[in-house]
Protein backbone atom coordinates (compact mmCIF):
# COMPACT_ATOMS: atom_id res chain seq x y z
CA MET A 1 0.00 0.00 0.00
CA ILE A 2 1.14 3.52 -0.74
CA ASP A 3 1.17 6.20 1.95
CA ARG A 4 1.01 10.00 1.92
CA ASP A 5 4.78 10.36 2.22
CA GLN A 6 5.24 8.40 -0.99
CA VAL A 7 2.59 10.51 -2.72
CA ARG A 8 4.40 13.67 -1.56
CA LYS A 9 7.67 12.29 -2.92
CA VAL A 10 6.12 11.47 -6.30
CA ALA A 11 4.49 14.91 -6.40
CA LEU A 12 7.84 16.53 -5.63
CA LEU A 13 9.56 14.56 -8.41
CA ALA A 14 6.75 15.49 -10.81
CA ARG A 15 6.96 19.13 -9.67
CA LEU A 16 3.33 19.11 -8.52
CA GLU A 17 1.94 21.14 -5.65
CA LEU A 18 -0.78 19.14 -3.92
CA THR A 19 -3.23 20.30 -1.31
CA PRO A 20 -3.75 18.03 1.73
CA GLN A 21 -7.09 16.96 0.21
CA GLU A 22 -5.37 16.04 -3.08
CA GLU A 23 -2.69 14.10 -1.19
CA GLU A 24 -5.42 12.08 0.52
CA GLN A 25 -7.31 11.56 -2.75
CA PHE A 26 -4.20 10.49 -4.69
CA THR A 27 -3.07 8.20 -1.87
CA SER A 28 -6.36 6.36 -2.14
CA GLN A 29 -6.43 6.34 -5.95
CA LEU A 30 -2.81 5.26 -6.37
CA GLY A 31 -3.35 2.56 -3.75
CA ASN A 32 -6.29 1.21 -5.75
CA ILE A 33 -4.24 1.25 -8.95
CA LEU A 34 -1.34 -0.59 -7.30
CA ASP A 35 -3.73 -3.16 -5.81
CA TYR A 36 -5.15 -3.79 -9.28
CA VAL A 37 -1.70 -4.15 -10.80
CA GLN A 38 -0.83 -6.63 -8.05
CA GLN A 39 -3.92 -8.66 -9.01
CA LEU A 40 -2.80 -8.65 -12.64
CA ASP A 41 0.67 -9.74 -11.57
CA GLU A 42 -0.83 -12.91 -10.09
CA LEU A 43 -2.11 -14.06 -13.50
CA ASP A 44 -0.23 -16.81 -15.34
CA VAL A 45 0.66 -15.30 -18.70
CA SER A 46 3.48 -17.68 -19.57
CA ASN A 47 1.58 -18.98 -22.61
CA VAL A 48 0.43 -15.57 -23.82
CA ALA A 49 2.37 -14.01 -26.68
CA PRO A 50 3.55 -10.44 -26.12
CA THR A 51 1.34 -7.90 -27.85
CA THR A 52 1.15 -4.16 -28.28
CA ARG A 53 -2.61 -4.09 -28.89
CA ALA A 54 -5.56 -6.16 -27.79
CA ILE A 55 -6.88 -6.33 -31.36
CA ASP A 56 -5.13 -6.47 -34.72
CA VAL A 57 -4.93 -3.07 -36.37
CA SER A 58 -3.21 -2.27 -39.61
CA ASN A 59 -2.61 1.05 -41.26
CA VAL A 60 -3.91 1.45 -44.76
CA THR A 61 -1.26 3.42 -46.58
CA ARG A 62 -0.42 3.98 -50.17
CA GLU A 63 2.93 3.92 -51.84
CA ASP A 64 4.60 7.28 -52.19
CA GLU A 65 4.75 8.31 -55.80
CA LEU A 66 7.25 11.02 -56.61
CA GLN A 67 5.61 13.63 -58.76
CA PRO A 68 7.50 16.77 -59.75
CA TYR A 69 5.64 20.06 -59.39
CA SER A 70 5.76 22.06 -62.56
CA ASP A 71 5.43 25.60 -61.14
CA ARG A 72 8.51 26.03 -58.92
CA GLU A 73 8.10 29.82 -58.87
CA ALA A 74 4.60 29.54 -57.40
CA ILE A 75 5.93 27.47 -54.50
CA LEU A 76 8.80 29.90 -53.84
CA ASN A 77 6.50 32.91 -54.07
CA SER A 78 4.18 31.43 -51.43
CA ALA A 79 7.03 31.18 -48.91
CA PRO A 80 7.30 33.93 -46.27
CA GLU A 81 10.96 34.48 -47.24
CA GLN A 82 13.15 33.27 -50.05
CA GLU A 83 16.73 33.72 -51.12
CA ARG A 84 17.35 33.18 -54.81
CA GLU A 85 15.79 29.79 -55.60
CA TYR A 86 15.66 28.58 -51.97
CA PHE A 87 13.35 28.92 -48.99
CA LYS A 88 14.86 31.13 -46.29
CA VAL A 89 14.19 29.79 -42.79
CA PRO A 90 15.34 30.86 -39.32
CA LYS A 91 18.47 29.24 -37.96
CA ILE A 92 17.52 26.63 -35.35
CA MET A 93 20.91 25.25 -34.29
CA ASN A 94 23.75 26.82 -32.36
CA VAL A 95 27.12 26.85 -34.05
CA GLU A 96 28.92 26.31 -30.75
């Protein structure tokens, strides 16, 4: 079981300021969560294959098809800034 001191420690690590009422509430809620996890830990899952989802899901994607754009000037003209035939963007990395 989790106690209020542990909740305070977790709150400190998470940089959260909790009221005494929140500490009490989270102590109870986290205790319930940990009890549930302990119940799950008692299950024999040795014959269960590891999964990332409970159901099979697959993305429907299409192949990328490279298609040149014929009006290069229109693209450059729509940019906020350009320098000759290039987009001009703010520097985002330090040179140091």
